[in-house]
């Protein structure tokens, strides 16, 4: 099962990077259907991760432009 978990995780990371709007919609549905998976401080952690990813994306765009 761990290979499946890793594959799903990789797909989700790729989706988050390549199509963030679809990723957000998918995560919203997942939260509605399985709220127990999202209990705790995960929202705060996700905000930090989103901010970090945004900064990396901005940096990568600057590098690509140069």
PDB file of N, CA and C in Angstrom:
ATOM      1  N   UNK A   1       0.815  -1.194   0.000  1.00  0.00           N
ATOM      2  CA  UNK A   1       0.000   0.000   0.000  1.00  0.00           C
ATOM      3  C   UNK A   1       0.863   1.264   0.000  1.00  0.00           C
ATOM      4  N   UNK A   2       2.070   1.193   0.533  1.00  0.00           N
ATOM      5  CA  UNK A   2       2.903   2.392   0.599  1.00  0.00           C
ATOM      6  C   UNK A   2       3.288   2.892  -0.794  1.00  0.00           C
ATOM      7  N   UNK A   3       3.484   1.983  -1.753  1.00  0.00           N
ATOM      8  CA  UNK A   3       3.775   2.438  -3.119  1.00  0.00           C
ATOM      9  C   UNK A   3       2.601   3.209  -3.693  1.00  0.00           C
ATOM     10  N   UNK A   4       1.395   2.750  -3.387  1.00  0.00           N
ATOM     11  CA  UNK A   4       0.203   3.458  -3.841  1.00  0.00           C
ATOM     12  C   UNK A   4       0.125   4.834  -3.183  1.00  0.00           C
ATOM     13  N   UNK A   5       0.388   4.886  -1.881  1.00  0.00           N
ATOM     14  CA  UNK A   5       0.378   6.164  -1.169  1.00  0.00           C
ATOM     15  C   UNK A   5       1.401   7.125  -1.758  1.00  0.00           C
ATOM     16  N   UNK A   6       2.587   6.621  -2.055  1.00  0.00           N
ATOM     17  CA  UNK A   6       3.626   7.462  -2.637  1.00  0.00           C
ATOM     18  C   UNK A   6       3.219   7.964  -4.020  1.00  0.00           C
ATOM     19  N   UNK A   7       2.609   7.091  -4.809  1.00  0.00           N
ATOM     20  CA  UNK A   7       2.170   7.484  -6.151  1.00  0.00           C
ATOM     21  C   UNK A   7       1.086   8.554  -6.077  1.00  0.00           C
ATOM     22  N   UNK A   8       0.134   8.371  -5.183  1.00  0.00           N
ATOM     23  CA  UNK A   8      -0.926   9.357  -5.013  1.00  0.00           C
ATOM     24  C   UNK A   8      -0.348  10.674  -4.534  1.00  0.00           C
ATOM     25  N   UNK A   9       0.573  10.609  -3.589  1.00  0.00           N
ATOM     26  CA  UNK A   9       1.214  11.828  -3.095  1.00  0.00           C
ATOM     27  C   UNK A   9       1.940  12.573  -4.190  1.00  0.00           C
ATOM     28  N   UNK A  10       2.654  11.830  -5.031  1.00  0.00           N
ATOM     29  CA  UNK A  10       3.376  12.464  -6.141  1.00  0.00           C
ATOM     30  C   UNK A  10       2.402  13.105  -7.120  1.00  0.00           C
ATOM     31  N   UNK A  11       1.312  12.406  -7.421  1.00  0.00           N
ATOM     32  CA  UNK A  11       0.311  12.971  -8.323  1.00  0.00           C
ATOM     33  C   UNK A  11      -0.289  14.253  -7.760  1.00  0.00           C
ATOM     34  N   UNK A  12      -0.567  14.253  -6.460  1.00  0.00           N
ATOM     35  CA  UNK A  12      -1.131  15.451  -5.834  1.00  0.00           C
ATOM     36  C   UNK A  12      -0.134  16.608  -5.851  1.00  0.00           C
ATOM     37  N   UNK A  13       1.134  16.323  -5.584  1.00  0.00           N
ATOM     38  CA  UNK A  13       2.145  17.382  -5.634  1.00  0.00           C
ATOM     39  C   UNK A  13       2.282  17.948  -7.043  1.00  0.00           C
ATOM     40  N   UNK A  14       2.264  17.073  -8.043  1.00  0.00           N
ATOM     41  CA  UNK A  14       2.329  17.529  -9.429  1.00  0.00           C
ATOM     42  C   UNK A  14       1.109  18.369  -9.782  1.00  0.00           C
ATOM     43  N   UNK A  15      -0.066  17.918  -9.333  1.00  0.00           N
ATOM     44  CA  UNK A  15      -1.292  18.662  -9.601  1.00  0.00           C
ATOM     45  C   UNK A  15      -1.241  20.030  -8.930  1.00  0.00           C
ATOM     46  N   UNK A  16      -0.756  20.068  -7.690  1.00  0.00           N
ATOM     47  CA  UNK A  16      -0.660  21.342  -6.981  1.00  0.00           C
ATOM     48  C   UNK A  16       0.256  22.306  -7.723  1.00  0.00           C
ATOM     49  N   UNK A  17       1.333  21.787  -8.259  1.00  0.00           N
ATOM     50  CA  UNK A  17       2.298  22.628  -8.963  1.00  0.00           C
ATOM     51  C   UNK A  17       1.776  23.065 -10.331  1.00  0.00           C
ATOM     52  N   UNK A  18       1.185  22.129 -11.078  1.00  0.00           N
ATOM     53  CA  UNK A  18       0.805  22.389 -12.462  1.00  0.00           C
ATOM     54  C   UNK A  18      -0.598  22.972 -12.631  1.00  0.00           C
ATOM     55  N   UNK A  19      -1.485  22.679 -11.695  1.00  0.00           N
ATOM     56  CA  UNK A  19      -2.873  23.143 -11.814  1.00  0.00           C
ATOM     57  C   UNK A  19      -3.417  23.450 -10.418  1.00  0.00           C
ATOM     58  N   UNK A  20      -2.946  24.532  -9.801  1.00  0.00           N
ATOM     59  CA  UNK A  20      -3.327  24.817  -8.413  1.00  0.00           C
ATOM     60  C   UNK A  20      -4.830  25.012  -8.206  1.00  0.00           C
ATOM     61  N   UNK A  21      -5.538  25.510  -9.207  1.00  0.00           N
ATOM     62  CA  UNK A  21      -6.984  25.695  -9.048  1.00  0.00           C
ATOM     63  C   UNK A  21      -7.705  24.359  -8.912  1.00  0.00           C
ATOM     64  N   UNK A  22      -7.353  23.402  -9.758  1.00  0.00           N
ATOM     65  CA  UNK A  22      -7.953  22.070  -9.663  1.00  0.00           C
ATOM     66  C   UNK A  22      -7.563  21.409  -8.354  1.00  0.00           C
ATOM     67  N   UNK A  23      -6.322  21.598  -7.938  1.00  0.00           N
ATOM     68  CA  UNK A  23      -5.867  21.024  -6.667  1.00  0.00           C
ATOM     69  C   UNK A  23      -6.702  21.569  -5.513  1.00  0.00           C
ATOM     70  N   UNK A  24      -6.937  22.869  -5.501  1.00  0.00           N
ATOM     71  CA  UNK A  24      -7.731  23.476  -4.426  1.00  0.00           C
ATOM     72  C   UNK A  24      -9.154  22.936  -4.428  1.00  0.00           C
ATOM     73  N   UNK A  25      -9.749  22.767  -5.620  1.00  0.00           N
ATOM     74  CA  UNK A  25     -11.101  22.212  -5.711  1.00  0.00           C
ATOM     75  C   UNK A  25     -11.129  20.778  -5.184  1.00  0.00           C
ATOM     76  N   UNK A  26     -10.137  19.994  -5.559  1.00  0.00           N
ATOM     77  CA  UNK A  26     -10.044  18.609  -5.108  1.00  0.00           C
ATOM     78  C   UNK A  26      -9.898  18.530  -3.596  1.00  0.00           C
ATOM     79  N   UNK A  27      -9.057  19.391  -3.042  1.00  0.00           N
ATOM     80  CA  UNK A  27      -8.854  19.393  -1.591  1.00  0.00           C
ATOM     81  C   UNK A  27     -10.118  19.853  -0.862  1.00  0.00           C
ATOM     82  N   UNK A  28     -10.854  20.781  -1.442  1.00  0.00           N
ATOM     83  CA  UNK A  28     -12.103  21.239  -0.832  1.00  0.00           C
ATOM     84  C   UNK A  28     -13.100  20.086  -0.764  1.00  0.00           C
ATOM     85  N   UNK A  29     -13.213  19.340  -1.847  1.00  0.00           N
ATOM     86  CA  UNK A  29     -14.115  18.186  -1.863  1.00  0.00           C
ATOM     87  C   UNK A  29     -13.661  17.152  -0.838  1.00  0.00           C
ATOM     88  N   UNK A  30     -12.366  16.913  -0.781  1.00  0.00           N
ATOM     89  CA  UNK A  30     -11.837  15.935   0.184  1.00  0.00           C
ATOM     90  C   UNK A  30     -12.139  16.364   1.616  1.00  0.00           C
ATOM     91  N   UNK A  31     -12.016  17.649   1.913  1.00  0.00           N
ATOM     92  CA  UNK A  31     -12.319  18.150   3.256  1.00  0.00           C
ATOM     93  C   UNK A  31     -13.788  17.989   3.594  1.00  0.00           C
ATOM     94  N   UNK A  32     -14.656  18.206   2.592  1.00  0.00           N
ATOM     95  CA  UNK A  32     -16.094  18.071   2.823  1.00  0.00           C
ATOM     96  C   UNK A  32     -16.479  16.615   3.067  1.00  0.00           C
ATOM     97  N   UNK A  33     -15.865  15.709   2.331  1.00  0.00           N
ATOM     98  CA  UNK A  33     -16.219  14.296   2.433  1.00  0.00           C
ATOM     99  C   UNK A  33     -15.511  13.576   3.579  1.00  0.00           C
ATOM    100  N   UNK A  34     -14.340  14.056   3.970  1.00  0.00           N
ATOM    101  CA  UNK A  34     -13.547  13.403   5.019  1.00  0.00           C
ATOM    102  C   UNK A  34     -12.927  14.432   5.957  1.00  0.00           C
ATOM    103  N   UNK A  35     -13.745  15.170   6.697  1.00  0.00           N
ATOM    104  CA  UNK A  35     -13.208  16.248   7.539  1.00  0.00           C
ATOM    105  C   UNK A  35     -12.240  15.748   8.618  1.00  0.00           C
ATOM    106  N   UNK A  36     -12.376  14.503   9.018  1.00  0.00           N
ATOM    107  CA  UNK A  36     -11.487  13.971  10.057  1.00  0.00           C
ATOM    108  C   UNK A  36     -10.036  13.914   9.605  1.00  0.00           C
ATOM    109  N   UNK A  37      -9.807  13.879   8.314  1.00  0.00           N
ATOM    110  CA  UNK A  37      -8.434  13.857   7.799  1.00  0.00           C
ATOM    111  C   UNK A  37      -7.760  15.222   7.892  1.00  0.00           C
ATOM    112  N   UNK A  38      -8.556  16.260   8.125  1.00  0.00           N
ATOM    113  CA  UNK A  38      -8.043  17.618   8.090  1.00  0.00           C
ATOM    114  C   UNK A  38      -8.169  18.334   9.434  1.00  0.00           C
ATOM    115  N   UNK A  39      -8.307  17.581  10.498  1.00  0.00           N
ATOM    116  CA  UNK A  39      -8.447  18.188  11.815  1.00  0.00           C
ATOM    117  C   UNK A  39      -7.109  18.715  12.311  1.00  0.00           C
ATOM    118  N   UNK A  40      -7.160  19.678  13.193  1.00  0.00           N
ATOM    119  CA  UNK A  40      -5.944  20.198  13.804  1.00  0.00           C
ATOM    120  C   UNK A  40      -5.445  21.455  13.136  1.00  0.00           C
ATOM    121  N   UNK A  41      -4.165  21.652  13.217  1.00  0.00           N
ATOM    122  CA  UNK A  41      -3.526  22.861  12.714  1.00  0.00           C
ATOM    123  C   UNK A  41      -3.085  22.728  11.264  1.00  0.00           C
ATOM    124  N   UNK A  42      -3.677  21.837  10.547  1.00  0.00           N
ATOM    125  CA  UNK A  42      -3.264  21.590   9.169  1.00  0.00           C
ATOM    126  C   UNK A  42      -3.489  22.819   8.306  1.00  0.00           C
ATOM    127  N   UNK A  43      -4.594  23.528   8.525  1.00  0.00           N
ATOM    128  CA  UNK A  43      -4.858  24.718   7.719  1.00  0.00           C
ATOM    129  C   UNK A  43      -3.750  25.753   7.863  1.00  0.00           C
ATOM    130  N   UNK A  44      -3.290  25.962   9.074  1.00  0.00           N
ATOM    131  CA  UNK A  44      -2.201  26.925   9.301  1.00  0.00           C
ATOM    132  C   UNK A  44      -0.920  26.440   8.629  1.00  0.00           C
ATOM    133  N   UNK A  45      -0.644  25.150   8.739  1.00  0.00           N
ATOM    134  CA  UNK A  45       0.538  24.590   8.087  1.00  0.00           C
ATOM    135  C   UNK A  45       0.430  24.735   6.572  1.00  0.00           C
ATOM    136  N   UNK A  46      -0.750  24.480   6.029  1.00  0.00           N
ATOM    137  CA  UNK A  46      -0.944  24.598   4.585  1.00  0.00           C
ATOM    138  C   UNK A  46      -0.758  26.035   4.115  1.00  0.00           C
ATOM    139  N   UNK A  47      -1.182  26.999   4.914  1.00  0.00           N
ATOM    140  CA  UNK A  47      -0.983  28.403   4.557  1.00  0.00           C
ATOM    141  C   UNK A  47       0.509  28.713   4.455  1.00  0.00           C
ATOM    142  N   UNK A  48       1.278  28.195   5.407  1.00  0.00           N
ATOM    143  CA  UNK A  48       2.725  28.408   5.374  1.00  0.00           C
ATOM    144  C   UNK A  48       3.343  27.743   4.157  1.00  0.00           C
ATOM    145  N   UNK A  49       2.894  26.536   3.854  1.00  0.00           N
ATOM    146  CA  UNK A  49       3.409  25.809   2.695  1.00  0.00           C
ATOM    147  C   UNK A  49       3.033  26.533   1.406  1.00  0.00           C
ATOM    148  N   UNK A  50       1.787  27.000   1.311  1.00  0.00           N
ATOM    149  CA  UNK A  50       1.354  27.745   0.126  1.00  0.00           C
ATOM    150  C   UNK A  50       2.187  28.998  -0.073  1.00  0.00           C
ATOM    151  N   UNK A  51       2.460  29.718   1.007  1.00  0.00           N
ATOM    152  CA  UNK A  51       3.278  30.931   0.927  1.00  0.00           C
ATOM    153  C   UNK A  51       4.694  30.591   0.465  1.00  0.00           C
ATOM    154  N   UNK A  52       5.261  29.540   1.032  1.00  0.00           N
ATOM    155  CA  UNK A  52       6.599  29.095   0.649  1.00  0.00           C
ATOM    156  C   UNK A  52       6.625  28.705  -0.830  1.00  0.00           C
ATOM    157  N   UNK A  53       5.618  27.936  -1.274  1.00  0.00           N
ATOM    158  CA  UNK A  53       5.546  27.520  -2.675  1.00  0.00           C
ATOM    159  C   UNK A  53       5.392  28.719  -3.604  1.00  0.00           C
ATOM    160  N   UNK A  54       4.627  29.713  -3.179  1.00  0.00           N
ATOM    161  CA  UNK A  54       4.449  30.918  -3.983  1.00  0.00           C
ATOM    162  C   UNK A  54       5.778  31.647  -4.158  1.00  0.00           C
ATOM    163  N   UNK A  55       6.531  31.745  -3.078  1.00  0.00           N
ATOM    164  CA  UNK A  55       7.837  32.414  -3.154  1.00  0.00           C
ATOM    165  C   UNK A  55       8.787  31.660  -4.075  1.00  0.00           C
ATOM    166  N   UNK A  56       8.768  30.343  -4.005  1.00  0.00           N
ATOM    167  CA  UNK A  56       9.615  29.528  -4.877  1.00  0.00           C
ATOM    168  C   UNK A  56       9.210  29.719  -6.330  1.00  0.00           C
ATOM    169  N   UNK A  57       7.905  29.733  -6.583  1.00  0.00           N
ATOM    170  CA  UNK A  57       7.407  29.927  -7.947  1.00  0.00           C
ATOM    171  C   UNK A  57       7.828  31.290  -8.485  1.00  0.00           C
ATOM    172  N   UNK A  58       7.728  32.332  -7.665  1.00  0.00           N
ATOM    173  CA  UNK A  58       8.162  33.664  -8.087  1.00  0.00           C
ATOM    174  C   UNK A  58       9.655  33.674  -8.402  1.00  0.00           C
ATOM    175  N   UNK A  59      10.442  33.024  -7.551  1.00  0.00           N
ATOM    176  CA  UNK A  59      11.882  32.951  -7.781  1.00  0.00           C
ATOM    177  C   UNK A  59      12.181  32.210  -9.084  1.00  0.00           C
ATOM    178  N   UNK A  60      11.513  31.081  -9.285  1.00  0.00           N
ATOM    179  CA  UNK A  60      11.734  30.301 -10.501  1.00  0.00           C
ATOM    180  C   UNK A  60      11.361  31.094 -11.744  1.00  0.00           C
ATOM    181  N   UNK A  61      10.291  31.881 -11.677  1.00  0.00           N
ATOM    182  CA  UNK A  61       9.914  32.711 -12.825  1.00  0.00           C
ATOM    183  C   UNK A  61      10.969  33.754 -13.103  1.00  0.00           C
ATOM    184  N   UNK A  62      11.533  34.349 -12.067  1.00  0.00           N
ATOM    185  CA  UNK A  62      12.581  35.343 -12.256  1.00  0.00           C
ATOM    186  C   UNK A  62      13.807  34.720 -12.889  1.00  0.00           C
ATOM    187  N   UNK A  63      14.158  33.528 -12.435  1.00  0.00           N
ATOM    188  CA  UNK A  63      15.309  32.821 -12.997  1.00  0.00           C
ATOM    189  C   UNK A  63      15.056  32.488 -14.462  1.00  0.00           C
ATOM    190  N   UNK A  64      13.852  32.029 -14.776  1.00  0.00           N
ATOM    191  CA  UNK A  64      13.511  31.696 -16.159  1.00  0.00           C
ATOM    192  C   UNK A  64      13.554  32.911 -17.066  1.00  0.00           C
ATOM    193  N   UNK A  65      13.180  34.078 -16.539  1.00  0.00           N
ATOM    194  CA  UNK A  65      13.169  35.308 -17.337  1.00  0.00           C
ATOM    195  C   UNK A  65      14.590  35.781 -17.639  1.00  0.00           C
ATOM    196  N   UNK A  66      15.520  35.489 -16.748  1.00  0.00           N
ATOM    197  CA  UNK A  66      16.910  35.923 -16.954  1.00  0.00           C
ATOM    198  C   UNK A  66      17.571  35.013 -17.927  1.00  0.00           C
TER     199      UNK A  66
END
